[in-house]
Amino acid sequence: MIGVIKEQAIEAMSTHLPVRFEPAEANPWINAVMIEPASANAPATITQVLRPAS
């Protein structure tokens, strides 16, 4: 879940019940994937990017 309090996301996934999500404000991170193409149909490399936002 992007941008929500992680404990609420874990609760929703583990109980399979609806959970009201609140936006997370502490400890922001940037999560991304950088894909460099080799050809039109295949990637040369796929690199995961995980960095603290602050």
Protein backbone atom coordinates (compact mmCIF):
# COMPACT_ATOMS: atom_id res chain seq x y z
CA MET A 1 0.00 0.00 0.00
CA ILE A 2 1.52 3.29 -1.01
CA GLY A 3 1.29 6.25 1.36
CA VAL A 4 -0.54 4.63 4.28
CA ILE A 5 0.46 3.71 7.81
CA LYS A 6 2.22 0.33 7.46
CA GLU A 7 0.49 -1.31 10.44
CA GLN A 8 -2.91 -0.65 8.83
CA ALA A 9 -1.74 -2.16 5.54
CA ILE A 10 -0.39 -5.25 7.33
CA GLU A 11 -3.67 -5.63 9.23
CA ALA A 12 -5.70 -5.45 6.00
CA MET A 13 -3.52 -8.05 4.28
CA SER A 14 -3.39 -10.45 7.22
CA THR A 15 -7.09 -10.33 8.21
CA HIS A 16 -8.60 -9.89 4.71
CA LEU A 17 -11.07 -7.46 6.28
CA PRO A 18 -11.71 -3.83 5.31
CA VAL A 19 -9.50 -1.33 7.13
CA ARG A 20 -9.82 2.45 7.00
CA PHE A 21 -6.41 3.75 5.92
CA GLU A 22 -4.84 6.96 7.17
CA PRO A 23 -2.06 8.72 5.26
CA ALA A 24 1.45 8.11 6.57
CA GLU A 25 3.37 11.22 7.53
CA ALA A 26 6.50 9.81 9.20
CA ASN A 27 9.55 8.19 7.61
CA PRO A 28 8.81 8.78 3.88
CA TRP A 29 10.74 6.70 1.33
CA ILE A 30 11.11 6.81 -2.44
CA ASN A 31 10.42 3.41 -4.01
CA ALA A 32 10.97 3.04 -7.74
CA VAL A 33 12.22 0.77 -10.50
CA MET A 34 14.65 1.96 -13.18
CA ILE A 35 14.41 -0.01 -16.43
CA GLU A 36 17.05 0.34 -19.14
CA PRO A 37 15.88 -1.09 -22.47
CA ALA A 38 18.03 -3.44 -24.55
CA SER A 39 15.56 -3.73 -27.41
CA ALA A 40 11.91 -2.99 -28.09
CA ASN A 41 10.76 -6.14 -26.27
CA ALA A 42 13.34 -6.81 -23.55
CA PRO A 43 14.97 -4.89 -20.72
CA ALA A 44 18.77 -4.81 -20.40
CA THR A 45 18.66 -4.14 -16.65
CA ILE A 46 16.02 -3.60 -13.99
CA THR A 47 17.26 -1.77 -10.89
CA GLN A 48 15.26 -1.28 -7.69
CA VAL A 49 15.59 2.17 -6.08
CA LEU A 50 14.88 2.53 -2.33
CA ARG A 51 15.90 5.82 -0.71
CA PRO A 52 14.78 7.89 2.27
CA ALA A 53 12.88 10.95 1.01
CA SER A 54 14.41 13.30 3.55
